[in-house]
Amino acid sequence: MRGWILSFRLGRKRYYPRQVIIEVENPVNLHQLIGRKVVWVHPKGKKFIGKIVRKHGNRGTRFIAYFRRQLPGIALGSEVNIV
């Protein structure tokens, strides 16, 4: 399944670089996606692995994923694979 990184999760006074908002193209069942792994591949080949932890918003296509290491800014707007 494919998804796109929209932005980092933002607070009032700071942003959280290890937490990103991901939009999924065609979610079948929202509760089945929670707990799945998210993989983003850097253009140089380095992999960043995260996990979908909860839903974001009322639309039903956006989720928050936590990554082990913080993502670089080049990741915003790019595609991720949901395993």
PDB file of N, CA and C in Angstrom:
ATOM      1  N   MET A   1       0.847  -1.168   0.000  1.00  0.00           N
ATOM      2  CA  MET A   1       0.000   0.000   0.000  1.00  0.00           C
ATOM      3  C   MET A   1       0.898   1.238   0.000  1.00  0.00           C
ATOM      4  N   ARG A   2       0.447   2.274  -0.657  1.00  0.00           N
ATOM      5  CA  ARG A   2       1.222   3.506  -0.752  1.00  0.00           C
ATOM      6  C   ARG A   2       0.620   4.600   0.109  1.00  0.00           C
ATOM      7  N   GLY A   3       1.479   5.512   0.492  1.00  0.00           N
ATOM      8  CA  GLY A   3       1.058   6.690   1.226  1.00  0.00           C
ATOM      9  C   GLY A   3       2.033   7.815   0.959  1.00  0.00           C
ATOM     10  N   TRP A   4       1.686   9.015   1.412  1.00  0.00           N
ATOM     11  CA  TRP A   4       2.544  10.191   1.230  1.00  0.00           C
ATOM     12  C   TRP A   4       2.723  10.900   2.557  1.00  0.00           C
ATOM     13  N   ILE A   5       3.936  11.388   2.778  1.00  0.00           N
ATOM     14  CA  ILE A   5       4.229  12.152   3.983  1.00  0.00           C
ATOM     15  C   ILE A   5       3.773  13.583   3.748  1.00  0.00           C
ATOM     16  N   LEU A   6       2.856  14.042   4.573  1.00  0.00           N
ATOM     17  CA  LEU A   6       2.330  15.405   4.420  1.00  0.00           C
ATOM     18  C   LEU A   6       3.160  16.422   5.191  1.00  0.00           C
ATOM     19  N   SER A   7       3.399  16.151   6.477  1.00  0.00           N
ATOM     20  CA  SER A   7       4.162  17.087   7.285  1.00  0.00           C
ATOM     21  C   SER A   7       4.577  16.409   8.578  1.00  0.00           C
ATOM     22  N   PHE A   8       5.426  17.100   9.320  1.00  0.00           N
ATOM     23  CA  PHE A   8       5.730  16.659  10.672  1.00  0.00           C
ATOM     24  C   PHE A   8       4.549  17.013  11.561  1.00  0.00           C
ATOM     25  N   ARG A   9       4.413  16.289  12.666  1.00  0.00           N
ATOM     26  CA  ARG A   9       3.363  16.639  13.610  1.00  0.00           C
ATOM     27  C   ARG A   9       3.794  17.903  14.334  1.00  0.00           C
ATOM     28  N   LEU A  10       2.899  18.876  14.373  1.00  0.00           N
ATOM     29  CA  LEU A  10       3.223  20.187  14.921  1.00  0.00           C
ATOM     30  C   LEU A  10       2.529  20.413  16.250  1.00  0.00           C
ATOM     31  N   GLY A  11       3.243  21.061  17.157  1.00  0.00           N
ATOM     32  CA  GLY A  11       2.660  21.529  18.396  1.00  0.00           C
ATOM     33  C   GLY A  11       2.504  23.035  18.326  1.00  0.00           C
ATOM     34  N   ARG A  12       2.155  23.617  19.432  1.00  0.00           N
ATOM     35  CA  ARG A  12       1.973  25.064  19.431  1.00  0.00           C
ATOM     36  C   ARG A  12       3.299  25.808  19.293  1.00  0.00           C
ATOM     37  N   LYS A  13       4.335  25.305  19.970  1.00  0.00           N
ATOM     38  CA  LYS A  13       5.620  26.002  19.954  1.00  0.00           C
ATOM     39  C   LYS A  13       6.750  25.188  19.352  1.00  0.00           C
ATOM     40  N   ARG A  14       6.501  23.990  18.928  1.00  0.00           N
ATOM     41  CA  ARG A  14       7.571  23.168  18.370  1.00  0.00           C
ATOM     42  C   ARG A  14       7.011  22.148  17.399  1.00  0.00           C
ATOM     43  N   TYR A  15       7.898  21.466  16.695  1.00  0.00           N
ATOM     44  CA  TYR A  15       7.481  20.377  15.831  1.00  0.00           C
ATOM     45  C   TYR A  15       8.165  19.098  16.305  1.00  0.00           C
ATOM     46  N   TYR A  16       7.625  17.962  15.910  1.00  0.00           N
ATOM     47  CA  TYR A  16       8.102  16.669  16.346  1.00  0.00           C
ATOM     48  C   TYR A  16       8.689  15.939  15.138  1.00  0.00           C
ATOM     49  N   PRO A  17      10.011  15.952  14.966  1.00  0.00           N
ATOM     50  CA  PRO A  17      10.606  15.410  13.742  1.00  0.00           C
ATOM     51  C   PRO A  17      10.519  13.895  13.625  1.00  0.00           C
ATOM     52  N   ARG A  18      10.241  13.192  14.721  1.00  0.00           N
ATOM     53  CA  ARG A  18      10.104  11.739  14.641  1.00  0.00           C
ATOM     54  C   ARG A  18       8.669  11.308  14.367  1.00  0.00           C
ATOM     55  N   GLN A  19       7.734  12.243  14.360  1.00  0.00           N
ATOM     56  CA  GLN A  19       6.336  11.940  14.143  1.00  0.00           C
ATOM     57  C   GLN A  19       5.866  12.667  12.878  1.00  0.00           C
ATOM     58  N   VAL A  20       5.283  11.905  11.957  1.00  0.00           N
ATOM     59  CA  VAL A  20       4.831  12.502  10.702  1.00  0.00           C
ATOM     60  C   VAL A  20       3.374  12.157  10.440  1.00  0.00           C
ATOM     61  N   ILE A  21       2.733  13.002   9.653  1.00  0.00           N
ATOM     62  CA  ILE A  21       1.358  12.757   9.224  1.00  0.00           C
ATOM     63  C   ILE A  21       1.425  12.147   7.829  1.00  0.00           C
ATOM     64  N   ILE A  22       0.781  10.998   7.677  1.00  0.00           N
ATOM     65  CA  ILE A  22       0.810  10.250   6.421  1.00  0.00           C
ATOM     66  C   ILE A  22      -0.609  10.143   5.880  1.00  0.00           C
ATOM     67  N   GLU A  23      -0.747  10.378   4.583  1.00  0.00           N
ATOM     68  CA  GLU A  23      -2.035  10.203   3.921  1.00  0.00           C
ATOM     69  C   GLU A  23      -1.969   8.950   3.058  1.00  0.00           C
ATOM     70  N   VAL A  24      -2.968   8.080   3.223  1.00  0.00           N
ATOM     71  CA  VAL A  24      -3.025   6.810   2.506  1.00  0.00           C
ATOM     72  C   VAL A  24      -3.985   6.957   1.335  1.00  0.00           C
ATOM     73  N   GLU A  25      -3.658   6.323   0.197  1.00  0.00           N
ATOM     74  CA  GLU A  25      -4.472   6.538  -1.001  1.00  0.00           C
ATOM     75  C   GLU A  25      -5.848   5.878  -0.914  1.00  0.00           C
ATOM     76  N   ASN A  26      -5.946   4.590  -0.586  1.00  0.00           N
ATOM     77  CA  ASN A  26      -7.241   3.902  -0.532  1.00  0.00           C
ATOM     78  C   ASN A  26      -7.321   3.011   0.697  1.00  0.00           C
ATOM     79  N   PRO A  27      -7.615   3.566   1.875  1.00  0.00           N
ATOM     80  CA  PRO A  27      -7.702   2.710   3.054  1.00  0.00           C
ATOM     81  C   PRO A  27      -8.986   1.890   3.032  1.00  0.00           C
ATOM     82  N   VAL A  28      -8.867   0.598   3.241  1.00  0.00           N
ATOM     83  CA  VAL A  28     -10.032  -0.277   3.253  1.00  0.00           C
ATOM     84  C   VAL A  28     -10.657  -0.275   4.637  1.00  0.00           C
ATOM     85  N   ASN A  29      -9.875  -0.606   5.647  1.00  0.00           N
ATOM     86  CA  ASN A  29     -10.338  -0.601   7.026  1.00  0.00           C
ATOM     87  C   ASN A  29      -9.300   0.134   7.855  1.00  0.00           C
ATOM     88  N   LEU A  30      -9.723   1.206   8.486  1.00  0.00           N
ATOM     89  CA  LEU A  30      -8.786   2.066   9.196  1.00  0.00           C
ATOM     90  C   LEU A  30      -8.092   1.358  10.346  1.00  0.00           C
ATOM     91  N   HIS A  31      -8.800   0.499  11.051  1.00  0.00           N
ATOM     92  CA  HIS A  31      -8.220  -0.141  12.223  1.00  0.00           C
ATOM     93  C   HIS A  31      -7.189  -1.199  11.849  1.00  0.00           C
ATOM     94  N   GLN A  32      -7.220  -1.699  10.629  1.00  0.00           N
ATOM     95  CA  GLN A  32      -6.226  -2.681  10.208  1.00  0.00           C
ATOM     96  C   GLN A  32      -4.876  -2.028   9.937  1.00  0.00           C
ATOM     97  N   LEU A  33      -4.845  -0.740   9.655  1.00  0.00           N
ATOM     98  CA  LEU A  33      -3.588  -0.060   9.349  1.00  0.00           C
ATOM     99  C   LEU A  33      -2.801   0.309  10.599  1.00  0.00           C
ATOM    100  N   ILE A  34      -3.458   0.447  11.741  1.00  0.00           N
ATOM    101  CA  ILE A  34      -2.765   0.817  12.967  1.00  0.00           C
ATOM    102  C   ILE A  34      -1.879  -0.343  13.403  1.00  0.00           C
ATOM    103  N   GLY A  35      -0.613  -0.036  13.623  1.00  0.00           N
ATOM    104  CA  GLY A  35       0.360  -1.040  14.008  1.00  0.00           C
ATOM    105  C   GLY A  35       1.215  -1.543  12.859  1.00  0.00           C
ATOM    106  N   ARG A  36       0.883  -1.167  11.633  1.00  0.00           N
ATOM    107  CA  ARG A  36       1.679  -1.600  10.482  1.00  0.00           C
ATOM    108  C   ARG A  36       2.934  -0.750  10.339  1.00  0.00           C
ATOM    109  N   LYS A  37       3.928  -1.309   9.678  1.00  0.00           N
ATOM    110  CA  LYS A  37       5.197  -0.618   9.495  1.00  0.00           C
ATOM    111  C   LYS A  37       5.157   0.282   8.274  1.00  0.00           C
ATOM    112  N   VAL A  38       5.892   1.374   8.370  1.00  0.00           N
ATOM    113  CA  VAL A  38       6.019   2.346   7.292  1.00  0.00           C
ATOM    114  C   VAL A  38       7.500   2.442   6.940  1.00  0.00           C
ATOM    115  N   VAL A  39       7.816   2.358   5.653  1.00  0.00           N
ATOM    116  CA  VAL A  39       9.209   2.412   5.214  1.00  0.00           C
ATOM    117  C   VAL A  39       9.377   3.561   4.225  1.00  0.00           C
ATOM    118  N   TRP A  40      10.319   4.459   4.538  1.00  0.00           N
ATOM    119  CA  TRP A  40      10.690   5.530   3.612  1.00  0.00           C
ATOM    120  C   TRP A  40      12.134   5.311   3.230  1.00  0.00           C
ATOM    121  N   VAL A  41      12.431   5.386   1.941  1.00  0.00           N
ATOM    122  CA  VAL A  41      13.783   5.146   1.446  1.00  0.00           C
ATOM    123  C   VAL A  41      14.388   6.472   0.987  1.00  0.00           C
ATOM    124  N   HIS A  42      15.530   6.812   1.550  1.00  0.00           N
ATOM    125  CA  HIS A  42      16.269   8.023   1.183  1.00  0.00           C
ATOM    126  C   HIS A  42      16.805   7.853  -0.242  1.00  0.00           C
ATOM    127  N   PRO A  43      16.948   8.926  -1.006  1.00  0.00           N
ATOM    128  CA  PRO A  43      17.500   8.801  -2.359  1.00  0.00           C
ATOM    129  C   PRO A  43      18.870   8.128  -2.415  1.00  0.00           C
ATOM    130  N   LYS A  44      19.637   8.161  -1.329  1.00  0.00           N
ATOM    131  CA  LYS A  44      20.932   7.478  -1.297  1.00  0.00           C
ATOM    132  C   LYS A  44      20.804   6.004  -0.909  1.00  0.00           C
ATOM    133  N   GLY A  45      19.609   5.546  -0.577  1.00  0.00           N
ATOM    134  CA  GLY A  45      19.388   4.135  -0.293  1.00  0.00           C
ATOM    135  C   GLY A  45      19.179   3.787   1.167  1.00  0.00           C
ATOM    136  N   LYS A  46      19.327   4.734   2.077  1.00  0.00           N
ATOM    137  CA  LYS A  46      19.141   4.469   3.502  1.00  0.00           C
ATOM    138  C   LYS A  46      17.646   4.346   3.816  1.00  0.00           C
ATOM    139  N   LYS A  47      17.269   3.339   4.623  1.00  0.00           N
ATOM    140  CA  LYS A  47      15.858   3.109   4.949  1.00  0.00           C
ATOM    141  C   LYS A  47      15.531   3.668   6.332  1.00  0.00           C
ATOM    142  N   PHE A  48      14.371   4.285   6.432  1.00  0.00           N
ATOM    143  CA  PHE A  48      13.839   4.776   7.694  1.00  0.00           C
ATOM    144  C   PHE A  48      12.560   3.994   7.959  1.00  0.00           C
ATOM    145  N   ILE A  49      12.476   3.348   9.109  1.00  0.00           N
ATOM    146  CA  ILE A  49      11.344   2.480   9.435  1.00  0.00           C
ATOM    147  C   ILE A  49      10.548   3.108  10.569  1.00  0.00           C
ATOM    148  N   GLY A  50       9.228   3.157  10.391  1.00  0.00           N
ATOM    149  CA  GLY A  50       8.336   3.707  11.401  1.00  0.00           C
ATOM    150  C   GLY A  50       7.138   2.809  11.607  1.00  0.00           C
ATOM    151  N   LYS A  51       6.206   3.293  12.423  1.00  0.00           N
ATOM    152  CA  LYS A  51       5.023   2.500  12.762  1.00  0.00           C
ATOM    153  C   LYS A  51       3.814   3.425  12.847  1.00  0.00           C
ATOM    154  N   ILE A  52       2.698   3.011  12.262  1.00  0.00           N
ATOM    155  CA  ILE A  52       1.462   3.789  12.353  1.00  0.00           C
ATOM    156  C   ILE A  52       0.867   3.567  13.741  1.00  0.00           C
ATOM    157  N   VAL A  53       0.621   4.654  14.462  1.00  0.00           N
ATOM    158  CA  VAL A  53       0.154   4.522  15.832  1.00  0.00           C
ATOM    159  C   VAL A  53      -1.290   4.968  16.047  1.00  0.00           C
ATOM    160  N   ARG A  54      -1.755   5.931  15.249  1.00  0.00           N
ATOM    161  CA  ARG A  54      -3.142   6.360  15.442  1.00  0.00           C
ATOM    162  C   ARG A  54      -3.645   7.129  14.229  1.00  0.00           C
ATOM    163  N   LYS A  55      -4.947   7.350  14.227  1.00  0.00           N
ATOM    164  CA  LYS A  55      -5.608   8.097  13.166  1.00  0.00           C
ATOM    165  C   LYS A  55      -5.435   9.587  13.423  1.00  0.00           C
ATOM    166  N   HIS A  56      -5.480  10.390  12.351  1.00  0.00           N
ATOM    167  CA  HIS A  56      -5.344  11.840  12.483  1.00  0.00           C
ATOM    168  C   HIS A  56      -6.474  12.509  11.720  1.00  0.00           C
ATOM    169  N   GLY A  57      -7.287  13.273  12.408  1.00  0.00           N
ATOM    170  CA  GLY A  57      -8.355  14.022  11.753  1.00  0.00           C
ATOM    171  C   GLY A  57      -9.607  13.199  11.515  1.00  0.00           C
ATOM    172  N   ASN A  58     -10.582  13.815  10.863  1.00  0.00           N
ATOM    173  CA  ASN A  58     -11.878  13.181  10.627  1.00  0.00           C
ATOM    174  C   ASN A  58     -12.039  12.643   9.220  1.00  0.00           C
ATOM    175  N   ARG A  59     -11.092  12.882   8.365  1.00  0.00           N
ATOM    176  CA  ARG A  59     -11.199  12.492   6.967  1.00  0.00           C
ATOM    177  C   ARG A  59     -11.137  10.976   6.767  1.00  0.00           C
ATOM    178  N   GLY A  60     -10.335  10.318   7.598  1.00  0.00           N
ATOM    179  CA  GLY A  60     -10.232   8.874   7.504  1.00  0.00           C
ATOM    180  C   GLY A  60      -9.131   8.374   6.595  1.00  0.00           C
ATOM    181  N   THR A  61      -8.301   9.277   6.066  1.00  0.00           N
ATOM    182  CA  THR A  61      -7.204   8.852   5.207  1.00  0.00           C
ATOM    183  C   THR A  61      -5.849   9.255   5.767  1.00  0.00           C
ATOM    184  N   ARG A  62      -5.819   9.898   6.920  1.00  0.00           N
ATOM    185  CA  ARG A  62      -4.565  10.393   7.484  1.00  0.00           C
ATOM    186  C   ARG A  62      -4.244   9.699   8.806  1.00  0.00           C
ATOM    187  N   PHE A  63      -2.955   9.406   8.981  1.00  0.00           N
ATOM    188  CA  PHE A  63      -2.484   8.720  10.175  1.00  0.00           C
ATOM    189  C   PHE A  63      -1.225   9.390  10.684  1.00  0.00           C
ATOM    190  N   ILE A  64      -0.891   9.121  11.949  1.00  0.00           N
ATOM    191  CA  ILE A  64       0.370   9.576  12.519  1.00  0.00           C
ATOM    192  C   ILE A  64       1.264   8.360  12.677  1.00  0.00           C
ATOM    193  N   ALA A  65       2.496   8.496  12.194  1.00  0.00           N
ATOM    194  CA  ALA A  65       3.472   7.420  12.294  1.00  0.00           C
ATOM    195  C   ALA A  65       4.678   7.916  13.088  1.00  0.00           C
ATOM    196  N   TYR A  66       5.208   7.047  13.953  1.00  0.00           N
ATOM    197  CA  TYR A  66       6.421   7.331  14.708  1.00  0.00           C
ATOM    198  C   TYR A  66       7.576   6.634  14.021  1.00  0.00           C
ATOM    199  N   PHE A  67       8.672   7.336  13.851  1.00  0.00           N
ATOM    200  CA  PHE A  67       9.871   6.764  13.259  1.00  0.00           C
ATOM    201  C   PHE A  67      10.945   6.619  14.326  1.00  0.00           C
ATOM    202  N   ARG A  68      11.834   5.648  14.146  1.00  0.00           N
ATOM    203  CA  ARG A  68      12.911   5.415  15.105  1.00  0.00           C
ATOM    204  C   ARG A  68      13.919   6.557  15.095  1.00  0.00           C
ATOM    205  N   ARG A  69      14.261   7.029  13.914  1.00  0.00           N
ATOM    206  CA  ARG A  69      15.153   8.179  13.770  1.00  0.00           C
ATOM    207  C   ARG A  69      14.370   9.290  13.098  1.00  0.00           C
ATOM    208  N   GLN A  70      14.774  10.519  13.362  1.00  0.00           N
ATOM    209  CA  GLN A  70      14.029  11.626  12.753  1.00  0.00           C
ATOM    210  C   GLN A  70      14.266  11.669  11.255  1.00  0.00           C
ATOM    211  N   LEU A  71      13.224  12.023  10.525  1.00  0.00           N
ATOM    212  CA  LEU A  71      13.303  12.090   9.073  1.00  0.00           C
ATOM    213  C   LEU A  71      13.919  13.416   8.636  1.00  0.00           C
ATOM    214  N   PRO A  72      14.647  13.417   7.534  1.00  0.00           N
ATOM    215  CA  PRO A  72      15.148  14.688   7.003  1.00  0.00           C
ATOM    216  C   PRO A  72      14.026  15.454   6.309  1.00  0.00           C
ATOM    217  N   GLY A  73      14.235  16.726   6.085  1.00  0.00           N
ATOM    218  CA  GLY A  73      13.219  17.563   5.455  1.00  0.00           C
ATOM    219  C   GLY A  73      12.896  17.160   4.031  1.00  0.00           C
ATOM    220  N   ILE A  74      13.819  16.464   3.374  1.00  0.00           N
ATOM    221  CA  ILE A  74      13.592  16.020   1.996  1.00  0.00           C
ATOM    222  C   ILE A  74      12.467  14.985   1.921  1.00  0.00           C
ATOM    223  N   ALA A  75      12.095  14.412   3.041  1.00  0.00           N
ATOM    224  CA  ALA A  75      11.054  13.377   3.076  1.00  0.00           C
ATOM    225  C   ALA A  75       9.650  13.953   2.896  1.00  0.00           C
ATOM    226  N   LEU A  76       9.468  15.231   3.177  1.00  0.00           N
ATOM    227  CA  LEU A  76       8.134  15.821   3.096  1.00  0.00           C
ATOM    228  C   LEU A  76       7.633  15.801   1.656  1.00  0.00           C
ATOM    229  N   GLY A  77       6.424  15.289   1.470  1.00  0.00           N
ATOM    230  CA  GLY A  77       5.823  15.221   0.152  1.00  0.00           C
ATOM    231  C   GLY A  77       6.195  13.982  -0.627  1.00  0.00           C
ATOM    232  N   SER A  78       7.027  13.135  -0.080  1.00  0.00           N
ATOM    233  CA  SER A  78       7.463  11.949  -0.813  1.00  0.00           C
ATOM    234  C   SER A  78       6.616  10.727  -0.446  1.00  0.00           C
ATOM    235  N   GLU A  79       6.838   9.663  -1.158  1.00  0.00           N
ATOM    236  CA  GLU A  79       6.032   8.443  -1.036  1.00  0.00           C
ATOM    237  C   GLU A  79       6.636   7.496  -0.010  1.00  0.00           C
ATOM    238  N   VAL A  80       5.769   6.788   0.721  1.00  0.00           N
ATOM    239  CA  VAL A  80       6.196   5.750   1.659  1.00  0.00           C
ATOM    240  C   VAL A  80       5.479   4.458   1.326  1.00  0.00           C
ATOM    241  N   ASN A  81       6.075   3.347   1.722  1.00  0.00           N
ATOM    242  CA  ASN A  81       5.444   2.036   1.561  1.00  0.00           C
ATOM    243  C   ASN A  81       4.920   1.583   2.910  1.00  0.00           C
ATOM    244  N   ILE A  82       3.689   1.098   2.929  1.00  0.00           N
ATOM    245  CA  ILE A  82       3.084   0.573   4.152  1.00  0.00           C
ATOM    246  C   ILE A  82       3.047  -0.939   4.016  1.00  0.00           C
ATOM    247  N   VAL A  83       3.754  -1.595   4.930  1.00  0.00           N
ATOM    248  CA  VAL A  83       3.906  -3.041   4.865  1.00  0.00           C
ATOM    249  C   VAL A  83       2.937  -3.719   5.807  1.00  0.00           C
TER     250      VAL A  83
END
